[in-house]
Amino acid sequence: MRGKKRLLASLLARSGVLRLARAATGSRSRITVLAYHRVLPDLVDFSGDEELVSALATDFRWQMEFISAACRPITADQLLAAVRGECELPPRAVMVTFDDGCVDSIRYALPVLVDCGVPACFFVASGYVSTPDLYWFDEVVHRFYYCDRPRFRLDTLAMDVRLPPEPRLRKSAALEVLQALKLAGNGRRLEALEEIRKVSGVALPAAVIDANRPMTWEELRILVARGMSIGSHSVTHPVLAELEDRRLCSELEDSKLAIERETSTACHSIAYPLGGGKEYSVSGAIAVDERVRRFAAQAGYEVGFTYIPGIARLQQDDPLLLKRVAVERYLTRDEFAARLSMPDLFL
């Protein structure tokens, strides 16, 4: 199916249909919200999860150039005003978002965003900001990459882990463990992560930590000064729907308060970690449900983003459960243009 859509995108681009489709898109109540994770210059010797790399830096530049020229990039505040009914969205509205807020956001993404005049909203887990701790799901992949043990037992997950000798191939084993971790429940997940740290016997190189760490509060303040906005991605990046009420409330409220305190800006939006619901979940874990949505509203959020694929339609959709379009590293220029020009066909 992907090959067919790639071919169709190429044909429509060459025929001029994509350009005409963009020109005809005049709805002021729908917006394409792009979801990125990481932007890196290359993947040479990259020991992390390659699926979290949404674009290489050179590709990210032409993507932002396309958005600047062919679409109407808007800020988080503009979307909030439209949600409140204070204004209409411009035609061909696009919003760029980043989940997690790793340091490559400021090193590689920010210069391109500023050059192209495209604002973006960065969703960060406040408990990771200004720490050397890698996000737990990223840490597992890095540890497996550097682990030189051929096998070990994870009693918490009841899993026997076998690692091939080639470091890059060890990532497959890591992804299997990550799947189990996402389904394990928050308490057992934390126990399993401690066990992985212990049995893997890996001390991550300082250069790996520096290249993959979360941003600091000072770096986030730089983003704000350059016209970007900061949203919540919880405190510790758990599966929110699994948490009991008190912990869920803390994850939502504490992150919002920390962002507002440290950046001196209001935090009205949240991207739910692993953001799938019962109708769509990549990991199998239901990350956001009606209870999470209700608690988010009580915490003061007015806009919430899932990872459910689709176009956000403000007159039809719950503003706390908006869909997004995930950007994937292997998208061609024509596919990228097709997703923005004819999203109902290409998502």
Protein backbone atom coordinates (compact mmCIF):
# COMPACT_ATOMS: atom_id res chain seq x y z
CA MET A 1 0.00 0.00 0.00
CA ARG A 2 2.82 2.43 0.82
CA GLY A 3 4.40 1.86 -2.57
CA LYS A 4 1.09 2.56 -4.31
CA LYS A 5 0.54 5.77 -2.37
CA ARG A 6 4.09 6.90 -3.10
CA LEU A 7 3.50 6.33 -6.81
CA LEU A 8 0.15 8.12 -6.69
CA ALA A 9 1.70 11.09 -4.88
CA SER A 10 4.38 11.33 -7.55
CA LEU A 11 1.82 11.21 -10.37
CA LEU A 12 -0.40 13.84 -8.76
CA ALA A 13 2.57 16.12 -8.13
CA ARG A 14 3.79 15.91 -11.73
CA SER A 15 0.29 16.53 -13.08
CA GLY A 16 -0.21 19.65 -10.95
CA VAL A 17 -3.18 18.17 -9.07
CA LEU A 18 -1.53 18.60 -5.66
CA ARG A 19 -0.99 22.30 -6.31
CA LEU A 20 -4.62 22.73 -7.38
CA ALA A 21 -5.79 20.78 -4.32
CA ARG A 22 -3.87 23.11 -2.03
CA ALA A 23 -5.32 26.16 -3.73
CA ALA A 24 -8.84 24.76 -3.33
CA THR A 25 -8.42 24.04 0.39
CA GLY A 26 -10.25 26.94 1.96
CA SER A 27 -11.77 25.51 5.14
CA ARG A 28 -11.19 27.73 8.15
CA SER A 29 -12.19 25.07 10.66
CA ARG A 30 -9.61 22.38 9.91
CA ILE A 31 -5.91 22.23 10.50
CA THR A 32 -3.11 19.79 9.76
CA VAL A 33 -1.04 19.32 12.91
CA LEU A 34 2.31 17.73 12.11
CA ALA A 35 3.89 15.56 14.82
CA TYR A 36 7.67 15.29 14.91
CA HIS A 37 9.93 13.69 17.48
CA ARG A 38 13.56 14.10 16.58
CA VAL A 39 15.59 15.76 13.81
CA LEU A 40 19.20 14.58 13.39
CA PRO A 41 21.90 15.32 10.80
CA ASP A 42 22.44 11.60 10.11
CA LEU A 43 22.08 8.15 11.66
CA VAL A 44 25.75 7.17 11.50
CA ASP A 45 26.55 5.26 14.71
CA PHE A 46 23.17 6.28 16.13
CA SER A 47 22.45 3.95 19.04
CA GLY A 48 18.86 5.02 19.73
CA ASP A 49 15.46 4.18 18.31
CA GLU A 50 15.51 5.19 14.65
CA GLU A 51 11.70 5.24 14.56
CA LEU A 52 11.83 8.34 16.77
CA VAL A 53 13.85 10.21 14.13
CA SER A 54 11.13 11.95 12.15
CA ALA A 55 13.45 13.59 9.63
CA LEU A 56 17.08 14.13 8.84
CA ALA A 57 18.12 17.78 9.03
CA THR A 58 18.37 18.26 5.26
CA ASP A 59 14.87 16.84 4.75
CA PHE A 60 13.47 18.90 7.62
CA ARG A 61 14.65 22.05 5.86
CA TRP A 62 12.79 21.37 2.63
CA GLN A 63 9.72 20.34 4.62
CA MET A 64 9.68 23.66 6.46
CA GLU A 65 10.40 25.54 3.22
CA PHE A 66 7.36 23.82 1.68
CA ILE A 67 5.16 24.73 4.64
CA SER A 68 6.35 28.33 4.55
CA ALA A 69 5.66 28.67 0.82
CA ALA A 70 2.53 26.56 0.31
CA CYS A 71 0.71 26.60 3.67
CA ARG A 72 -0.15 28.94 6.51
CA PRO A 73 1.89 27.92 9.55
CA ILE A 74 0.23 29.03 12.78
CA THR A 75 1.26 29.27 16.43
CA ALA A 76 -0.18 27.45 19.42
CA ASP A 77 -1.78 30.74 20.52
CA GLN A 78 -3.51 31.13 17.16
CA LEU A 79 -4.93 27.63 17.44
CA LEU A 80 -6.05 28.33 21.00
CA ALA A 81 -7.85 31.50 19.85
CA ALA A 82 -9.63 29.50 17.14
CA VAL A 83 -10.63 26.82 19.67
CA ARG A 84 -12.05 29.56 21.90
CA GLY A 85 -14.03 30.93 18.96
CA GLU A 86 -12.14 34.22 18.97
CA CYS A 87 -11.02 33.91 15.35
CA GLU A 88 -11.08 31.61 12.36
CA LEU A 89 -8.14 29.57 11.15
CA PRO A 90 -6.52 30.70 7.90
CA PRO A 91 -6.99 28.41 4.90
CA ARG A 92 -4.30 25.72 4.57
CA ALA A 93 -3.46 26.07 8.27
CA VAL A 94 -0.59 23.92 9.50
CA MET A 95 0.86 23.61 12.99
CA VAL A 96 4.24 22.02 13.65
CA THR A 97 4.65 20.11 16.93
CA PHE A 98 7.48 18.19 18.55
CA ASP A 99 7.08 15.55 21.24
CA ASP A 100 9.69 14.93 23.98
CA GLY A 101 11.96 17.93 23.39
CA CYS A 102 15.34 16.27 23.03
CA VAL A 103 18.39 18.49 22.63
CA ASP A 104 18.47 18.07 18.85
CA SER A 105 15.34 20.25 18.79
CA ILE A 106 17.40 23.31 19.59
CA ARG A 107 20.56 22.20 17.79
CA TYR A 108 19.06 21.20 14.45
CA ALA A 109 15.34 22.00 14.27
CA LEU A 110 15.27 25.53 15.71
CA PRO A 111 17.67 27.14 13.20
CA VAL A 112 15.58 25.80 10.31
CA LEU A 113 12.29 26.89 11.88
CA VAL A 114 13.64 30.41 12.40
CA ASP A 115 15.11 30.60 8.88
CA CYS A 116 11.81 29.51 7.34
CA GLY A 117 9.59 31.60 9.62
CA VAL A 118 7.69 28.55 10.87
CA PRO A 119 6.61 28.51 14.53
CA ALA A 120 6.44 25.24 16.44
CA CYS A 121 5.19 23.94 19.76
CA PHE A 122 7.48 21.65 21.77
CA PHE A 123 5.86 19.26 24.22
CA VAL A 124 8.19 18.35 27.09
CA ALA A 125 7.99 16.01 30.06
CA SER A 126 8.93 18.39 32.85
CA GLY A 127 10.53 15.76 35.07
CA TYR A 128 13.20 15.10 32.43
CA VAL A 129 14.02 18.75 31.65
CA SER A 130 17.49 19.84 32.83
CA THR A 131 18.46 16.28 33.78
CA PRO A 132 20.98 13.92 32.12
CA ASP A 133 18.34 11.18 32.13
CA LEU A 134 17.32 9.90 28.73
CA TYR A 135 13.63 9.27 28.20
CA TRP A 136 12.94 5.78 29.53
CA PHE A 137 11.89 4.36 26.17
CA ASP A 138 15.00 5.80 24.52
CA GLU A 139 17.30 4.65 27.32
CA VAL A 140 16.29 1.01 26.80
CA VAL A 141 17.31 1.05 23.14
CA HIS A 142 20.66 2.69 23.88
CA ARG A 143 21.41 0.20 26.66
CA PHE A 144 20.65 -2.76 24.42
CA TYR A 145 22.82 -1.29 21.68
CA TYR A 146 25.85 -1.14 23.98
CA CYS A 147 25.17 -4.32 25.94
CA ASP A 148 27.76 -7.03 25.22
CA ARG A 149 25.89 -9.83 26.95
CA PRO A 150 24.42 -12.41 24.55
CA ARG A 151 21.39 -13.00 26.74
CA PHE A 152 19.83 -12.17 30.09
CA ARG A 153 16.61 -12.70 31.99
CA LEU A 154 14.11 -9.96 32.89
CA ASP A 155 12.14 -11.45 35.75
CA THR A 156 9.84 -8.44 36.06
CA LEU A 157 8.57 -8.97 32.52
CA ALA A 158 9.07 -12.75 32.51
CA MET A 159 11.20 -12.41 29.38
CA ASP A 160 14.37 -14.12 28.19
CA VAL A 161 16.26 -11.57 26.12
CA ARG A 162 18.69 -12.75 23.44
CA LEU A 163 20.99 -10.18 21.87
CA PRO A 164 22.72 -10.70 18.52
CA PRO A 165 26.40 -9.72 18.29
CA GLU A 166 25.78 -6.86 15.84
CA PRO A 167 24.85 -3.71 17.83
CA ARG A 168 22.34 -2.41 15.28
CA LEU A 169 20.48 -5.74 15.33
CA ARG A 170 20.10 -5.50 19.09
CA LYS A 171 17.58 -2.73 18.56
CA SER A 172 15.00 -5.30 17.45
CA ALA A 173 15.27 -7.01 20.82
CA ALA A 174 14.96 -3.63 22.52
CA LEU A 175 11.77 -2.84 20.63
CA GLU A 176 10.23 -6.13 21.75
CA VAL A 177 11.01 -5.25 25.35
CA LEU A 178 9.60 -1.74 24.86
CA GLN A 179 6.34 -3.24 23.65
CA ALA A 180 6.15 -5.29 26.85
CA LEU A 181 7.02 -2.25 28.96
CA LYS A 182 4.23 -0.17 27.46
CA LEU A 183 1.72 -2.88 28.34
CA ALA A 184 3.16 -3.68 31.76
CA GLY A 185 1.42 -1.07 33.89
CA ASN A 186 3.22 1.87 35.45
CA GLY A 187 4.46 0.18 38.63
CA ARG A 188 5.82 -2.92 36.93
CA ARG A 189 7.32 -0.77 34.18
CA LEU A 190 9.39 1.19 36.68
CA GLU A 191 10.59 -2.05 38.30
CA ALA A 192 11.51 -3.47 34.90
CA LEU A 193 13.48 -0.36 33.97
CA GLU A 194 15.55 -0.67 37.13
CA GLU A 195 16.13 -4.32 36.35
CA ILE A 196 17.26 -3.49 32.80
CA ARG A 197 19.74 -0.94 34.12
CA LYS A 198 21.15 -3.53 36.49
CA VAL A 199 21.33 -6.66 34.33
CA SER A 200 22.49 -4.93 31.13
CA GLY A 201 25.63 -3.76 32.91
CA VAL A 202 25.89 -0.74 30.60
CA ALA A 203 27.29 2.68 31.44
CA LEU A 204 26.20 4.91 28.58
CA PRO A 205 29.02 7.02 27.08
CA ALA A 206 28.94 10.71 27.97
CA ALA A 207 28.72 11.63 24.28
CA VAL A 208 25.59 9.48 23.89
CA ILE A 209 23.94 11.17 26.85
CA ASP A 210 24.83 14.63 25.52
CA ALA A 211 23.46 13.87 22.07
CA ASN A 212 20.18 12.38 23.30
CA ARG A 213 19.38 14.22 26.54
CA PRO A 214 16.27 16.35 27.07
CA MET A 215 16.60 20.09 26.71
CA THR A 216 17.28 22.27 29.74
CA TRP A 217 14.95 24.97 31.02
CA GLU A 218 17.39 27.57 29.73
CA GLU A 219 17.23 26.00 26.26
CA LEU A 220 13.43 26.02 26.42
CA ARG A 221 13.51 29.69 27.32
CA ILE A 222 15.64 30.26 24.22
CA LEU A 223 12.96 28.54 22.14
CA VAL A 224 10.32 30.84 23.59
CA ALA A 225 12.49 33.89 22.86
CA ARG A 226 12.71 32.75 19.21
CA GLY A 227 8.92 32.60 18.83
CA MET A 228 8.29 28.97 19.75
CA SER A 229 5.88 27.70 22.41
CA ILE A 230 6.13 25.01 25.07
CA GLY A 231 3.42 22.52 25.94
CA SER A 232 3.10 19.69 28.40
CA HIS A 233 3.99 16.07 27.76
CA SER A 234 3.33 15.09 31.42
CA VAL A 235 6.03 14.85 34.09
CA THR A 236 7.51 11.37 33.58
CA HIS A 237 6.04 10.25 30.21
CA PRO A 238 3.88 7.43 31.59
CA VAL A 239 0.88 5.78 29.96
CA LEU A 240 -1.57 8.23 31.49
CA ALA A 241 -4.66 6.03 31.25
CA GLU A 242 -2.99 3.45 33.50
CA LEU A 243 -2.48 5.83 36.42
CA GLU A 244 -4.67 6.07 39.49
CA ASP A 245 -6.43 9.39 39.95
CA ARG A 246 -3.96 11.09 42.30
CA ARG A 247 -0.93 10.25 40.18
CA LEU A 248 -2.74 11.22 36.97
CA CYS A 249 -3.67 14.58 38.47
CA SER A 250 -0.05 15.15 39.52
CA GLU A 251 1.35 14.27 36.08
CA LEU A 252 -0.95 16.78 34.42
CA GLU A 253 -0.92 19.63 36.93
CA ASP A 254 2.74 19.53 37.99
CA SER A 255 4.00 19.61 34.42
CA LYS A 256 1.81 22.57 33.54
CA LEU A 257 2.90 24.50 36.63
CA ALA A 258 6.60 23.77 36.03
CA ILE A 259 6.45 24.94 32.42
CA GLU A 260 4.65 28.15 33.35
CA ARG A 261 7.05 28.84 36.21
CA GLU A 262 10.24 28.17 34.27
CA THR A 263 9.31 29.76 30.94
CA SER A 264 7.07 32.60 32.19
CA THR A 265 4.49 31.65 29.56
CA ALA A 266 1.02 30.16 29.87
CA CYS A 267 0.73 26.43 29.14
CA HIS A 268 -2.65 25.69 27.60
CA SER A 269 -1.84 22.57 25.56
CA ILE A 270 -0.77 18.99 26.14
CA ALA A 271 0.34 16.13 23.91
CA TYR A 272 -0.55 12.85 25.58
CA PRO A 273 2.44 10.47 25.84
CA LEU A 274 2.04 7.49 23.50
CA GLY A 275 -1.17 9.35 22.57
CA GLY A 276 -3.38 6.59 21.18
CA GLY A 277 -6.92 5.87 22.28
CA LYS A 278 -8.96 2.70 22.12
CA GLU A 279 -9.64 3.24 18.41
CA TYR A 280 -5.96 3.65 17.56
CA SER A 281 -2.90 2.55 19.48
CA VAL A 282 0.48 1.81 17.99
CA SER A 283 1.80 0.15 21.14
CA GLY A 284 -1.39 -1.62 22.20
CA ALA A 285 -1.53 0.55 25.31
CA ILE A 286 -4.48 2.93 25.56
CA ALA A 287 -2.79 6.19 26.48
CA VAL A 288 -5.72 8.61 26.50
CA ASP A 289 -9.35 7.92 27.38
CA GLU A 290 -12.30 9.91 28.66
CA ARG A 291 -10.92 9.97 32.22
CA VAL A 292 -7.58 11.37 31.03
CA ARG A 293 -9.41 13.91 28.93
CA ARG A 294 -11.55 14.96 31.91
CA PHE A 295 -8.52 15.32 34.19
CA ALA A 296 -6.71 17.34 31.51
CA ALA A 297 -9.62 19.77 31.38
CA GLN A 298 -9.67 20.04 35.17
CA ALA A 299 -5.93 20.79 35.15
CA GLY A 300 -6.59 23.80 32.92
CA TYR A 301 -5.62 22.51 29.47
CA GLU A 302 -7.75 23.76 26.59
CA VAL A 303 -6.08 21.94 23.70
CA GLY A 304 -4.94 18.32 23.73
CA PHE A 305 -3.16 16.35 21.01
CA THR A 306 -3.32 12.61 20.47
CA TYR A 307 -1.22 10.50 18.15
CA ILE A 308 -4.32 9.34 16.31
CA PRO A 309 -3.75 10.07 12.59
CA GLY A 310 -5.98 12.59 10.91
CA ILE A 311 -6.88 16.21 10.32
CA ALA A 312 -8.13 18.27 13.25
CA ARG A 313 -11.62 19.67 12.55
CA LEU A 314 -12.41 22.28 15.14
CA GLN A 315 -16.17 22.34 14.53
CA GLN A 316 -16.45 18.57 14.92
CA ASP A 317 -13.62 17.37 17.16
CA ASP A 318 -13.16 17.64 20.89
CA PRO A 319 -10.37 20.26 21.28
CA LEU A 320 -8.77 18.08 23.96
CA LEU A 321 -8.59 15.09 21.59
CA LEU A 322 -7.21 16.53 18.36
CA LYS A 323 -5.64 14.27 15.74
CA ARG A 324 -2.19 14.79 14.24
CA VAL A 325 -0.20 13.72 11.19
CA ALA A 326 2.98 11.87 12.10
CA VAL A 327 6.01 12.79 9.99
CA GLU A 328 8.16 9.80 9.10
CA ARG A 329 11.76 9.85 7.99
CA TYR A 330 11.18 7.96 4.74
CA LEU A 331 8.59 10.38 3.28
CA THR A 332 9.44 11.66 -0.17
CA ARG A 333 8.84 15.27 -1.14
CA ASP A 334 5.76 14.28 -3.13
CA GLU A 335 4.36 12.22 -0.24
CA PHE A 336 4.89 15.08 2.17
CA ALA A 337 3.14 17.49 -0.19
CA ALA A 338 0.32 14.98 -0.72
CA ARG A 339 -0.30 14.60 3.01
CA LEU A 340 -0.69 18.36 3.30
CA SER A 341 -2.63 18.86 0.05
CA MET A 342 -4.94 15.83 0.05
CA PRO A 343 -4.81 14.49 3.62
CA ASP A 344 -8.06 12.54 3.46
CA LEU A 345 -6.57 10.41 0.69
CA PHE A 346 -2.99 10.06 1.90
CA LEU A 347 -3.26 9.56 5.65
